[in-house]
PDB file of N, CA and C in Angstrom:
ATOM      1  N   MET A   1    -122.304-141.757  78.720  1.00  0.00           N
ATOM      2  CA  MET A   1    -121.226-141.131  77.729  1.00  0.00           C
ATOM      3  C   MET A   1    -120.021-141.911  77.861  1.00  0.00           C
ATOM      4  N   ALA A   2    -119.421-142.173  76.788  1.00  0.00           N
ATOM      5  CA  ALA A   2    -118.062-142.929  76.824  1.00  0.00           C
ATOM      6  C   ALA A   2    -116.989-141.845  76.746  1.00  0.00           C
ATOM      7  N   TYR A   3    -115.961-142.082  77.709  1.00  0.00           N
ATOM      8  CA  TYR A   3    -114.911-141.072  77.679  1.00  0.00           C
ATOM      9  C   TYR A   3    -113.663-141.670  77.072  1.00  0.00           C
ATOM     10  N   ASP A   4    -112.875-140.847  76.780  1.00  0.00           N
ATOM     11  CA  ASP A   4    -111.422-141.326  76.019  1.00  0.00           C
ATOM     12  C   ASP A   4    -110.578-141.083  77.389  1.00  0.00           C
ATOM     13  N   LEU A   5    -110.129-142.301  78.010  1.00  0.00           N
ATOM     14  CA  LEU A   5    -109.441-142.101  79.167  1.00  0.00           C
ATOM     15  C   LEU A   5    -108.132-141.471  79.019  1.00  0.00           C
ATOM     16  N   ASN A   6    -107.571-141.667  77.786  1.00  0.00           N
ATOM     17  CA  ASN A   6    -106.318-140.851  77.582  1.00  0.00           C
ATOM     18  C   ASN A   6    -106.408-139.337  77.559  1.00  0.00           C
ATOM     19  N   GLN A   7    -107.630-138.910  77.105  1.00  0.00           N
ATOM     20  CA  GLN A   7    -107.673-137.549  77.068  1.00  0.00           C
ATOM     21  C   GLN A   7    -108.106-137.086  78.452  1.00  0.00           C
ATOM     22  N   VAL A   8    -108.828-137.903  79.178  1.00  0.00           N
ATOM     23  CA  VAL A   8    -108.980-137.405  80.576  1.00  0.00           C
ATOM     24  C   VAL A   8    -107.696-137.543  81.396  1.00  0.00           C
ATOM     25  N   THR A   9    -107.102-138.472  81.198  1.00  0.00           N
ATOM     26  CA  THR A   9    -105.567-138.552  81.978  1.00  0.00           C
ATOM     27  C   THR A   9    -104.760-137.315  81.524  1.00  0.00           C
ATOM     28  N   THR A  10    -104.583-137.057  80.434  1.00  0.00           N
ATOM     29  CA  THR A  10    -103.941-135.978  79.972  1.00  0.00           C
ATOM     30  C   THR A  10    -104.369-134.678  80.433  1.00  0.00           C
ATOM     31  N   ALA A  11    -105.600-134.296  80.403  1.00  0.00           N
ATOM     32  CA  ALA A  11    -106.194-133.182  81.002  1.00  0.00           C
ATOM     33  C   ALA A  11    -105.839-133.216  82.650  1.00  0.00           C
ATOM     34  N   TYR A  12    -106.134-134.288  83.390  1.00  0.00           N
ATOM     35  CA  TYR A  12    -105.862-134.267  84.684  1.00  0.00           C
ATOM     36  C   TYR A  12    -104.525-134.161  85.047  1.00  0.00           C
ATOM     37  N   ASP A  13    -103.588-134.747  84.433  1.00  0.00           N
ATOM     38  CA  ASP A  13    -102.095-134.561  84.609  1.00  0.00           C
ATOM     39  C   ASP A  13    -101.815-133.153  84.469  1.00  0.00           C
ATOM     40  N   ALA A  14    -102.183-132.521  83.213  1.00  0.00           N
ATOM     41  CA  ALA A  14    -101.856-130.932  82.990  1.00  0.00           C
ATOM     42  C   ALA A  14    -102.440-130.055  84.180  1.00  0.00           C
ATOM     43  N   LEU A  15    -103.920-130.352  84.495  1.00  0.00           N
ATOM     44  CA  LEU A  15    -104.446-129.471  85.597  1.00  0.00           C
ATOM     45  C   LEU A  15    -103.664-129.606  86.890  1.00  0.00           C
ATOM     46  N   THR A  16    -103.520-130.864  87.320  1.00  0.00           N
ATOM     47  CA  THR A  16    -102.950-131.128  88.700  1.00  0.00           C
ATOM     48  C   THR A  16    -101.526-130.454  88.658  1.00  0.00           C
ATOM     49  N   ALA A  17    -100.815-130.807  87.655  1.00  0.00           N
ATOM     50  CA  ALA A  17     -99.302-130.109  87.571  1.00  0.00           C
ATOM     51  C   ALA A  17     -99.371-128.739  87.967  1.00  0.00           C
ATOM     52  N   LYS A  18    -100.235-127.961  87.282  1.00  0.00           N
ATOM     53  CA  LYS A  18    -100.357-126.534  87.389  1.00  0.00           C
ATOM     54  C   LYS A  18    -100.848-126.223  88.817  1.00  0.00           C
ATOM     55  N   VAL A  19    -101.909-126.836  89.545  1.00  0.00           N
ATOM     56  CA  VAL A  19    -102.371-126.785  90.697  1.00  0.00           C
ATOM     57  C   VAL A  19    -101.382-126.906  91.783  1.00  0.00           C
ATOM     58  N   LYS A  20    -100.696-128.025  91.648  1.00  0.00           N
ATOM     59  CA  LYS A  20     -99.821-128.460  92.646  1.00  0.00           C
ATOM     60  C   LYS A  20     -98.576-127.351  92.652  1.00  0.00           C
ATOM     61  N   ALA A  21     -98.171-126.918  91.521  1.00  0.00           N
ATOM     62  CA  ALA A  21     -97.038-125.851  91.412  1.00  0.00           C
ATOM     63  C   ALA A  21     -97.497-124.645  92.265  1.00  0.00           C
ATOM     64  N   ASP A  22     -98.933-124.216  92.005  1.00  0.00           N
ATOM     65  CA  ASP A  22     -99.314-122.931  92.568  1.00  0.00           C
ATOM     66  C   ASP A  22     -99.418-123.217  94.033  1.00  0.00           C
ATOM     67  N   LEU A  23     -99.931-124.338  94.512  1.00  0.00           N
ATOM     68  CA  LEU A  23    -100.029-124.736  96.016  1.00  0.00           C
ATOM     69  C   LEU A  23     -98.733-124.692  96.538  1.00  0.00           C
ATOM     70  N   ASP A  24     -97.785-125.295  95.947  1.00  0.00           N
ATOM     71  CA  ASP A  24     -96.418-125.412  96.435  1.00  0.00           C
ATOM     72  C   ASP A  24     -95.910-123.855  96.662  1.00  0.00           C
ATOM     73  N   GLU A  25     -96.123-123.089  95.776  1.00  0.00           N
ATOM     74  CA  GLU A  25     -95.660-121.731  95.737  1.00  0.00           C
ATOM     75  C   GLU A  25     -96.307-120.903  97.013  1.00  0.00           C
ATOM     76  N   GLN A  26     -97.618-121.143  97.076  1.00  0.00           N
ATOM     77  CA  GLN A  26     -98.441-120.440  98.099  1.00  0.00           C
ATOM     78  C   GLN A  26     -97.965-120.970  99.521  1.00  0.00           C
ATOM     79  N   PHE A  27     -97.653-122.241  99.460  1.00  0.00           N
ATOM     80  CA  PHE A  27     -96.983-122.908 100.893  1.00  0.00           C
ATOM     81  C   PHE A  27     -95.755-122.297 101.166  1.00  0.00           C
ATOM     82  N   ASN A  28     -94.826-122.341 100.189  1.00  0.00           N
ATOM     83  CA  ASN A  28     -93.615-121.906 100.435  1.00  0.00           C
ATOM     84  C   ASN A  28     -93.481-120.325 100.786  1.00  0.00           C
ATOM     85  N   LEU A  29     -94.601-119.606 100.368  1.00  0.00           N
ATOM     86  CA  LEU A  29     -94.622-118.165 100.692  1.00  0.00           C
ATOM     87  C   LEU A  29     -95.442-117.945 102.126  1.00  0.00           C
ATOM     88  N   GLY A  30     -95.763-119.101 102.708  1.00  0.00           N
ATOM     89  CA  GLY A  30     -96.416-118.925 103.906  1.00  0.00           C
ATOM     90  C   GLY A  30     -97.697-118.659 104.080  1.00  0.00           C
ATOM     91  N   ARG A  31     -98.402-118.561 102.764  1.00  0.00           N
ATOM     92  CA  ARG A  31     -99.771-118.072 102.607  1.00  0.00           C
ATOM     93  C   ARG A  31    -100.857-119.401 103.033  1.00  0.00           C
ATOM     94  N   LEU A  32    -100.398-120.453 102.808  1.00  0.00           N
ATOM     95  CA  LEU A  32    -101.129-121.627 103.144  1.00  0.00           C
ATOM     96  C   LEU A  32    -100.492-122.396 104.111  1.00  0.00           C
ATOM     97  N   LYS A  33    -101.099-122.940 105.315  1.00  0.00           N
ATOM     98  CA  LYS A  33    -100.492-123.595 106.362  1.00  0.00           C
ATOM     99  C   LYS A  33    -101.390-124.733 106.836  1.00  0.00           C
ATOM    100  N   GLY A  34    -100.631-125.832 107.168  1.00  0.00           N
ATOM    101  CA  GLY A  34    -101.394-126.916 107.926  1.00  0.00           C
ATOM    102  C   GLY A  34    -102.605-127.293 107.146  1.00  0.00           C
ATOM    103  N   SER A  35    -103.798-127.304 108.122  1.00  0.00           N
ATOM    104  CA  SER A  35    -105.045-127.758 107.426  1.00  0.00           C
ATOM    105  C   SER A  35    -105.604-127.019 106.354  1.00  0.00           C
ATOM    106  N   ASP A  36    -105.227-125.706 106.374  1.00  0.00           N
ATOM    107  CA  ASP A  36    -105.651-124.875 105.049  1.00  0.00           C
ATOM    108  C   ASP A  36    -105.181-125.453 103.878  1.00  0.00           C
ATOM    109  N   TYR A  37    -103.854-125.989 103.945  1.00  0.00           N
ATOM    110  CA  TYR A  37    -103.262-126.635 102.686  1.00  0.00           C
ATOM    111  C   TYR A  37    -104.053-127.863 102.204  1.00  0.00           C
ATOM    112  N   ALA A  38    -104.277-128.664 103.331  1.00  0.00           N
ATOM    113  CA  ALA A  38    -105.035-129.963 103.003  1.00  0.00           C
ATOM    114  C   ALA A  38    -106.452-129.684 102.445  1.00  0.00           C
ATOM    115  N   ASN A  39    -107.225-128.824 103.087  1.00  0.00           N
ATOM    116  CA  ASN A  39    -108.557-128.499 102.522  1.00  0.00           C
ATOM    117  C   ASN A  39    -108.476-127.951 101.087  1.00  0.00           C
ATOM    118  N   VAL A  40    -107.704-126.874 100.783  1.00  0.00           N
ATOM    119  CA  VAL A  40    -107.432-126.513  99.579  1.00  0.00           C
ATOM    120  C   VAL A  40    -107.027-127.530  98.615  1.00  0.00           C
ATOM    121  N   TYR A  41    -106.146-128.206  98.890  1.00  0.00           N
ATOM    122  CA  TYR A  41    -105.586-129.201  98.147  1.00  0.00           C
ATOM    123  C   TYR A  41    -106.847-130.266  97.730  1.00  0.00           C
ATOM    124  N   SER A  42    -107.476-130.622  98.659  1.00  0.00           N
ATOM    125  CA  SER A  42    -108.689-131.591  98.551  1.00  0.00           C
ATOM    126  C   SER A  42    -109.843-131.073  97.512  1.00  0.00           C
ATOM    127  N   GLN A  43    -109.956-129.750  97.890  1.00  0.00           N
ATOM    128  CA  GLN A  43    -111.102-129.144  96.902  1.00  0.00           C
ATOM    129  C   GLN A  43    -110.581-129.022  95.485  1.00  0.00           C
ATOM    130  N   LEU A  44    -109.274-128.588  95.194  1.00  0.00           N
ATOM    131  CA  LEU A  44    -108.851-128.415  93.964  1.00  0.00           C
ATOM    132  C   LEU A  44    -108.524-129.662  93.246  1.00  0.00           C
ATOM    133  N   MET A  45    -108.090-130.639  93.913  1.00  0.00           N
ATOM    134  CA  MET A  45    -108.077-131.927  93.114  1.00  0.00           C
ATOM    135  C   MET A  45    -109.355-132.376  92.823  1.00  0.00           C
ATOM    136  N   SER A  46    -110.410-132.215  93.492  1.00  0.00           N
ATOM    137  CA  SER A  46    -111.698-132.639  93.261  1.00  0.00           C
ATOM    138  C   SER A  46    -112.108-131.928  91.926  1.00  0.00           C
ATOM    139  N   GLU A  47    -111.813-130.694  91.954  1.00  0.00           N
ATOM    140  CA  GLU A  47    -112.202-129.928  90.751  1.00  0.00           C
ATOM    141  C   GLU A  47    -111.394-130.234  89.396  1.00  0.00           C
ATOM    142  N   CYS A  48    -110.161-130.521  89.701  1.00  0.00           N
ATOM    143  CA  CYS A  48    -109.196-131.007  88.688  1.00  0.00           C
ATOM    144  C   CYS A  48    -109.909-132.266  88.035  1.00  0.00           C
ATOM    145  N   LEU A  49    -110.201-133.093  88.904  1.00  0.00           N
ATOM    146  CA  LEU A  49    -110.979-134.391  88.292  1.00  0.00           C
ATOM    147  C   LEU A  49    -112.219-134.083  87.574  1.00  0.00           C
ATOM    148  N   ARG A  50    -113.010-133.268  88.095  1.00  0.00           N
ATOM    149  CA  ARG A  50    -114.299-132.870  87.309  1.00  0.00           C
ATOM    150  C   ARG A  50    -114.122-132.188  86.181  1.00  0.00           C
ATOM    151  N   LEU A  51    -113.229-131.457  86.055  1.00  0.00           N
ATOM    152  CA  LEU A  51    -112.782-130.655  84.691  1.00  0.00           C
ATOM    153  C   LEU A  51    -112.081-131.501  83.668  1.00  0.00           C
ATOM    154  N   SER A  52    -111.386-132.636  84.293  1.00  0.00           N
ATOM    155  CA  SER A  52    -110.814-133.456  83.327  1.00  0.00           C
ATOM    156  C   SER A  52    -111.885-134.283  82.576  1.00  0.00           C
ATOM    157  N   PHE A  53    -112.852-134.553  83.255  1.00  0.00           N
ATOM    158  CA  PHE A  53    -113.894-135.419  82.367  1.00  0.00           C
ATOM    159  C   PHE A  53    -114.635-134.497  81.347  1.00  0.00           C
ATOM    160  N   SER A  54    -114.529-133.264  81.505  1.00  0.00           N
ATOM    161  CA  SER A  54    -115.347-132.403  80.750  1.00  0.00           C
ATOM    162  C   SER A  54    -114.338-131.940  79.497  1.00  0.00           C
ATOM    163  N   ALA A  55    -113.074-132.104  79.725  1.00  0.00           N
ATOM    164  CA  ALA A  55    -112.053-131.823  78.636  1.00  0.00           C
ATOM    165  C   ALA A  55    -112.384-132.517  77.310  1.00  0.00           C
ATOM    166  N   PRO A  56    -112.595-133.833  77.163  1.00  0.00           N
ATOM    167  CA  PRO A  56    -112.970-134.511  75.875  1.00  0.00           C
ATOM    168  C   PRO A  56    -114.226-133.855  75.301  1.00  0.00           C
ATOM    169  N   ILE A  57    -115.289-133.692  76.142  1.00  0.00           N
ATOM    170  CA  ILE A  57    -116.532-133.075  75.562  1.00  0.00           C
ATOM    171  C   ILE A  57    -116.198-131.798  74.910  1.00  0.00           C
ATOM    172  N   ASN A  58    -115.348-130.882  75.499  1.00  0.00           N
ATOM    173  CA  ASN A  58    -115.098-129.554  75.080  1.00  0.00           C
ATOM    174  C   ASN A  58    -114.272-129.640  73.700  1.00  0.00           C
ATOM    175  N   ASP A  59    -113.391-130.739  73.700  1.00  0.00           N
ATOM    176  CA  ASP A  59    -112.671-130.969  72.474  1.00  0.00           C
ATOM    177  C   ASP A  59    -113.615-131.423  71.343  1.00  0.00           C
ATOM    178  N   THR A  60    -114.483-132.175  71.621  1.00  0.00           N
ATOM    179  CA  THR A  60    -115.544-132.619  70.596  1.00  0.00           C
ATOM    180  C   THR A  60    -116.376-131.374  70.209  1.00  0.00           C
ATOM    181  N   GLN A  61    -116.761-130.361  71.254  1.00  0.00           N
ATOM    182  CA  GLN A  61    -117.561-129.422  70.662  1.00  0.00           C
ATOM    183  C   GLN A  61    -116.744-128.406  69.810  1.00  0.00           C
ATOM    184  N   VAL A  62    -115.453-128.267  70.182  1.00  0.00           N
ATOM    185  CA  VAL A  62    -114.581-127.401  69.238  1.00  0.00           C
ATOM    186  C   VAL A  62    -114.398-128.013  67.809  1.00  0.00           C
ATOM    187  N   GLU A  63    -114.173-129.209  67.812  1.00  0.00           N
ATOM    188  CA  GLU A  63    -114.284-129.882  66.348  1.00  0.00           C
ATOM    189  C   GLU A  63    -115.573-129.790  65.780  1.00  0.00           C
ATOM    190  N   LEU A  64    -116.722-129.939  66.527  1.00  0.00           N
ATOM    191  CA  LEU A  64    -118.095-129.652  65.863  1.00  0.00           C
ATOM    192  C   LEU A  64    -118.143-128.182  65.363  1.00  0.00           C
ATOM    193  N   TYR A  65    -117.691-127.250  66.028  1.00  0.00           N
ATOM    194  CA  TYR A  65    -117.776-125.815  65.681  1.00  0.00           C
ATOM    195  C   TYR A  65    -116.920-125.480  64.479  1.00  0.00           C
ATOM    196  N   LYS A  66    -115.847-126.266  64.498  1.00  0.00           N
ATOM    197  CA  LYS A  66    -114.828-126.147  63.210  1.00  0.00           C
ATOM    198  C   LYS A  66    -115.546-126.690  62.001  1.00  0.00           C
ATOM    199  N   ARG A  67    -116.208-127.806  62.069  1.00  0.00           N
ATOM    200  CA  ARG A  67    -116.854-128.583  61.072  1.00  0.00           C
ATOM    201  C   ARG A  67    -118.154-127.664  60.604  1.00  0.00           C
ATOM    202  N   GLN A  68    -118.863-127.096  61.555  1.00  0.00           N
ATOM    203  CA  GLN A  68    -119.871-126.265  61.003  1.00  0.00           C
ATOM    204  C   GLN A  68    -119.487-124.925  60.281  1.00  0.00           C
ATOM    205  N   THR A  69    -118.355-124.468  60.831  1.00  0.00           N
ATOM    206  CA  THR A  69    -117.715-123.182  60.061  1.00  0.00           C
ATOM    207  C   THR A  69    -117.303-123.753  58.598  1.00  0.00           C
ATOM    208  N   LYS A  70    -116.720-124.782  58.560  1.00  0.00           N
ATOM    209  CA  LYS A  70    -116.368-125.396  57.159  1.00  0.00           C
ATOM    210  C   LYS A  70    -117.589-125.559  56.382  1.00  0.00           C
ATOM    211  N   GLY A  71    -118.692-126.107  56.949  1.00  0.00           N
ATOM    212  CA  GLY A  71    -120.032-126.336  56.316  1.00  0.00           C
ATOM    213  C   GLY A  71    -120.608-125.071  55.833  1.00  0.00           C
ATOM    214  N   PHE A  72    -120.448-124.070  56.643  1.00  0.00           N
ATOM    215  CA  PHE A  72    -121.022-122.722  56.166  1.00  0.00           C
ATOM    216  C   PHE A  72    -120.240-122.242  54.899  1.00  0.00           C
ATOM    217  N   ASP A  73    -118.988-122.445  54.944  1.00  0.00           N
ATOM    218  CA  ASP A  73    -118.026-122.069  53.740  1.00  0.00           C
ATOM    219  C   ASP A  73    -118.427-122.911  52.533  1.00  0.00           C
ATOM    220  N   ASP A  74    -118.612-124.205  52.845  1.00  0.00           N
ATOM    221  CA  ASP A  74    -119.128-125.147  51.631  1.00  0.00           C
ATOM    222  C   ASP A  74    -120.329-124.751  51.060  1.00  0.00           C
ATOM    223  N   ASN A  75    -121.356-124.215  51.945  1.00  0.00           N
ATOM    224  CA  ASN A  75    -122.649-123.842  51.541  1.00  0.00           C
ATOM    225  C   ASN A  75    -122.528-122.582  50.707  1.00  0.00           C
ATOM    226  N   ILE A  76    -121.754-121.728  51.161  1.00  0.00           N
ATOM    227  CA  ILE A  76    -121.543-120.559  50.209  1.00  0.00           C
ATOM    228  C   ILE A  76    -121.062-120.773  48.817  1.00  0.00           C
ATOM    229  N   LYS A  77    -120.173-121.822  48.777  1.00  0.00           N
ATOM    230  CA  LYS A  77    -119.602-122.179  47.538  1.00  0.00           C
ATOM    231  C   LYS A  77    -120.683-122.792  46.592  1.00  0.00           C
ATOM    232  N   ILE A  78    -121.471-123.592  47.207  1.00  0.00           N
ATOM    233  CA  ILE A  78    -122.359-124.326  46.501  1.00  0.00           C
ATOM    234  C   ILE A  78    -123.629-123.273  46.012  1.00  0.00           C
ATOM    235  N   LYS A  79    -123.850-122.405  46.897  1.00  0.00           N
ATOM    236  CA  LYS A  79    -124.943-121.454  46.389  1.00  0.00           C
ATOM    237  C   LYS A  79    -124.366-120.502  45.469  1.00  0.00           C
ATOM    238  N   LEU A  80    -123.180-120.082  45.509  1.00  0.00           N
ATOM    239  CA  LEU A  80    -122.679-119.230  44.447  1.00  0.00           C
ATOM    240  C   LEU A  80    -122.522-119.805  43.212  1.00  0.00           C
ATOM    241  N   PHE A  81    -122.142-121.165  43.079  1.00  0.00           N
ATOM    242  CA  PHE A  81    -122.268-121.934  42.076  1.00  0.00           C
ATOM    243  C   PHE A  81    -123.574-122.036  41.217  1.00  0.00           C
ATOM    244  N   ASP A  82    -124.558-122.378  42.138  1.00  0.00           N
ATOM    245  CA  ASP A  82    -125.922-122.581  41.666  1.00  0.00           C
ATOM    246  C   ASP A  82    -126.499-121.197  41.215  1.00  0.00           C
ATOM    247  N   SER A  83    -126.090-120.176  41.956  1.00  0.00           N
ATOM    248  CA  SER A  83    -126.652-118.847  41.545  1.00  0.00           C
ATOM    249  C   SER A  83    -126.147-118.427  40.195  1.00  0.00           C
ATOM    250  N   GLN A  84    -124.967-118.680  39.852  1.00  0.00           N
ATOM    251  CA  GLN A  84    -124.231-118.400  38.634  1.00  0.00           C
ATOM    252  C   GLN A  84    -124.888-119.227  37.474  1.00  0.00           C
ATOM    253  N   MET A  85    -124.988-120.715  37.850  1.00  0.00           N
ATOM    254  CA  MET A  85    -125.589-121.305  36.727  1.00  0.00           C
ATOM    255  C   MET A  85    -126.964-120.892  36.494  1.00  0.00           C
ATOM    256  N   SER A  86    -127.737-120.657  37.455  1.00  0.00           N
ATOM    257  CA  SER A  86    -129.171-120.364  37.227  1.00  0.00           C
ATOM    258  C   SER A  86    -129.293-118.914  36.442  1.00  0.00           C
ATOM    259  N   SER A  87    -128.404-118.051  36.913  1.00  0.00           N
ATOM    260  CA  SER A  87    -128.343-116.754  36.084  1.00  0.00           C
ATOM    261  C   SER A  87    -128.112-116.799  34.663  1.00  0.00           C
ATOM    262  N   TRP A  88    -126.981-117.809  34.354  1.00  0.00           N
ATOM    263  CA  TRP A  88    -126.643-118.016  32.847  1.00  0.00           C
ATOM    264  C   TRP A  88    -127.939-118.628  32.217  1.00  0.00           C
ATOM    265  N   GLY A  89    -128.478-119.530  32.812  1.00  0.00           N
ATOM    266  CA  GLY A  89    -129.644-120.359  32.289  1.00  0.00           C
ATOM    267  C   GLY A  89    -130.709-119.456  32.021  1.00  0.00           C
ATOM    268  N   MET A  90    -131.064-118.525  32.905  1.00  0.00           N
ATOM    269  CA  MET A  90    -132.089-117.582  32.650  1.00  0.00           C
ATOM    270  C   MET A  90    -131.933-116.502  31.477  1.00  0.00           C
ATOM    271  N   MET A  91    -130.680-116.139  31.688  1.00  0.00           N
ATOM    272  CA  MET A  91    -130.348-115.001  30.515  1.00  0.00           C
ATOM    273  C   MET A  91    -130.268-115.828  29.208  1.00  0.00           C
ATOM    274  N   PHE A  92    -129.742-117.021  29.123  1.00  0.00           N
ATOM    275  CA  PHE A  92    -129.726-117.604  27.839  1.00  0.00           C
ATOM    276  C   PHE A  92    -131.138-118.040  27.345  1.00  0.00           C
ATOM    277  N   SER A  93    -132.051-118.530  28.200  1.00  0.00           N
ATOM    278  CA  SER A  93    -133.439-118.966  27.828  1.00  0.00           C
ATOM    279  C   SER A  93    -134.404-117.840  27.633  1.00  0.00           C
ATOM    280  N   SER A  94    -134.072-116.510  27.934  1.00  0.00           N
ATOM    281  CA  SER A  94    -134.814-115.332  27.969  1.00  0.00           C
ATOM    282  C   SER A  94    -134.288-114.733  26.614  1.00  0.00           C
ATOM    283  N   GLY A  95    -133.174-115.075  25.955  1.00  0.00           N
ATOM    284  CA  GLY A  95    -132.730-114.217  24.765  1.00  0.00           C
ATOM    285  C   GLY A  95    -131.881-113.235  25.097  1.00  0.00           C
ATOM    286  N   MET A  96    -131.586-113.084  26.416  1.00  0.00           N
ATOM    287  CA  MET A  96    -130.490-111.989  26.637  1.00  0.00           C
ATOM    288  C   MET A  96    -129.169-112.346  26.179  1.00  0.00           C
ATOM    289  N   LEU A  97    -128.920-113.514  26.069  1.00  0.00           N
ATOM    290  CA  LEU A  97    -127.505-113.980  25.586  1.00  0.00           C
ATOM    291  C   LEU A  97    -127.866-114.809  24.305  1.00  0.00           C
ATOM    292  N   THR A  98    -127.234-114.484  23.471  1.00  0.00           N
ATOM    293  CA  THR A  98    -127.533-115.215  22.084  1.00  0.00           C
ATOM    294  C   THR A  98    -126.386-116.320  21.990  1.00  0.00           C
ATOM    295  N   ASP A  99    -125.327-116.138  22.684  1.00  0.00           N
ATOM    296  CA  ASP A  99    -124.180-117.036  22.663  1.00  0.00           C
ATOM    297  C   ASP A  99    -124.000-117.586  24.205  1.00  0.00           C
ATOM    298  N   LYS A 100    -123.621-118.937  24.171  1.00  0.00           N
ATOM    299  CA  LYS A 100    -123.246-119.308  25.593  1.00  0.00           C
ATOM    300  C   LYS A 100    -121.997-118.624  25.886  1.00  0.00           C
ATOM    301  N   PRO A 101    -122.035-118.222  27.338  1.00  0.00           N
ATOM    302  CA  PRO A 101    -120.779-117.622  27.937  1.00  0.00           C
ATOM    303  C   PRO A 101    -119.627-118.558  27.682  1.00  0.00           C
ATOM    304  N   SER A 102    -118.388-118.010  27.539  1.00  0.00           N
ATOM    305  CA  SER A 102    -117.177-118.640  27.304  1.00  0.00           C
ATOM    306  C   SER A 102    -116.820-119.629  28.296  1.00  0.00           C
ATOM    307  N   ILE A 103    -117.439-119.525  29.525  1.00  0.00           N
ATOM    308  CA  ILE A 103    -117.063-120.405  30.692  1.00  0.00           C
ATOM    309  C   ILE A 103    -117.641-121.608  30.529  1.00  0.00           C
ATOM    310  N   VAL A 104    -118.893-121.543  29.623  1.00  0.00           N
ATOM    311  CA  VAL A 104    -119.664-122.799  29.341  1.00  0.00           C
ATOM    312  C   VAL A 104    -119.048-123.441  28.250  1.00  0.00           C
ATOM    313  N   THR A 105    -118.788-122.756  27.230  1.00  0.00           N
ATOM    314  CA  THR A 105    -118.328-123.421  25.900  1.00  0.00           C
ATOM    315  C   THR A 105    -116.940-124.011  26.019  1.00  0.00           C
ATOM    316  N   ASN A 106    -116.078-123.323  26.833  1.00  0.00           N
ATOM    317  CA  ASN A 106    -114.660-123.918  26.863  1.00  0.00           C
ATOM    318  C   ASN A 106    -114.557-124.722  28.203  1.00  0.00           C
ATOM    319  N   ASP A 107    -115.680-125.214  28.580  1.00  0.00           N
ATOM    320  CA  ASP A 107    -115.781-126.434  29.704  1.00  0.00           C
ATOM    321  C   ASP A 107    -115.062-126.051  30.855  1.00  0.00           C
ATOM    322  N   GLU A 108    -114.982-124.637  31.160  1.00  0.00           N
ATOM    323  CA  GLU A 108    -114.418-124.427  32.559  1.00  0.00           C
ATOM    324  C   GLU A 108    -115.436-124.564  33.552  1.00  0.00           C
ATOM    325  N   VAL A 109    -116.957-124.709  33.169  1.00  0.00           N
ATOM    326  CA  VAL A 109    -117.821-125.061  34.288  1.00  0.00           C
ATOM    327  C   VAL A 109    -117.548-126.394  34.758  1.00  0.00           C
ATOM    328  N   SER A 110    -117.277-127.421  33.921  1.00  0.00           N
ATOM    329  CA  SER A 110    -116.861-128.744  34.384  1.00  0.00           C
ATOM    330  C   SER A 110    -115.869-128.705  35.346  1.00  0.00           C
ATOM    331  N   SER A 111    -114.776-128.084  35.073  1.00  0.00           N
ATOM    332  CA  SER A 111    -113.612-128.084  35.959  1.00  0.00           C
ATOM    333  C   SER A 111    -114.070-127.408  37.253  1.00  0.00           C
ATOM    334  N   LEU A 112    -114.865-126.357  37.134  1.00  0.00           N
ATOM    335  CA  LEU A 112    -115.161-125.583  38.422  1.00  0.00           C
ATOM    336  C   LEU A 112    -116.090-126.585  39.226  1.00  0.00           C
ATOM    337  N   TYR A 113    -116.932-127.337  38.575  1.00  0.00           N
ATOM    338  CA  TYR A 113    -117.852-128.217  39.420  1.00  0.00           C
ATOM    339  C   TYR A 113    -117.028-129.293  40.032  1.00  0.00           C
ATOM    340  N   SER A 114    -116.021-129.762  39.096  1.00  0.00           N
ATOM    341  CA  SER A 114    -115.241-130.923  39.631  1.00  0.00           C
ATOM    342  C   SER A 114    -114.417-130.375  40.896  1.00  0.00           C
ATOM    343  N   ASN A 115    -113.821-129.323  40.738  1.00  0.00           N
ATOM    344  CA  ASN A 115    -113.216-128.699  42.069  1.00  0.00           C
ATOM    345  C   ASN A 115    -114.045-128.536  43.031  1.00  0.00           C
ATOM    346  N   LEU A 116    -115.222-128.029  43.001  1.00  0.00           N
ATOM    347  CA  LEU A 116    -116.094-128.090  44.200  1.00  0.00           C
ATOM    348  C   LEU A 116    -116.525-129.268  44.650  1.00  0.00           C
ATOM    349  N   LYS A 117    -116.671-130.251  43.858  1.00  0.00           N
ATOM    350  CA  LYS A 117    -116.960-131.602  44.405  1.00  0.00           C
ATOM    351  C   LYS A 117    -115.848-132.225  45.195  1.00  0.00           C
ATOM    352  N   SER A 118    -114.573-131.905  44.822  1.00  0.00           N
ATOM    353  CA  SER A 118    -113.397-132.448  45.472  1.00  0.00           C
ATOM    354  C   SER A 118    -113.207-131.806  46.703  1.00  0.00           C
ATOM    355  N   GLU A 119    -113.437-130.510  46.790  1.00  0.00           N
ATOM    356  CA  GLU A 119    -113.400-129.571  48.031  1.00  0.00           C
ATOM    357  C   GLU A 119    -114.342-130.040  49.000  1.00  0.00           C
ATOM    358  N   LEU A 120    -115.535-130.486  48.544  1.00  0.00           N
ATOM    359  CA  LEU A 120    -116.569-130.985  49.411  1.00  0.00           C
ATOM    360  C   LEU A 120    -116.557-132.366  49.791  1.00  0.00           C
ATOM    361  N   GLY A 121    -115.565-133.080  49.242  1.00  0.00           N
ATOM    362  CA  GLY A 121    -115.296-134.471  49.457  1.00  0.00           C
ATOM    363  C   GLY A 121    -116.362-135.441  49.025  1.00  0.00           C
ATOM    364  N   MET A 122    -116.930-134.885  47.772  1.00  0.00           N
ATOM    365  CA  MET A 122    -117.976-135.773  47.241  1.00  0.00           C
ATOM    366  C   MET A 122    -117.387-136.696  45.943  1.00  0.00           C
TER     367      MET A 122
END
């Protein structure tokens, strides 16, 4: 997997700044002393490094989820349009409608379709 080192560096810097601030606070309060401080520091910096490499993956997953949600919304619009057009077509062909609906005759369907296409980036 290729990593975006800028994202990794940004995540690492943010994590280590927070960890160092907390460690310094604990040291100043006398809760961490000597070798305990060194051991905790080493373990936390290792974990910061590990988490920093997972940050770009998590960002990618978030973007994927956002796109999936947009895809679901897009799919609803397409199905609604298709359902409406099918309903009109069946009603008209079965004789239930003697005249075309005004949305068809005044060309609103074309503008609705064009808007749908532009929203979907087609």
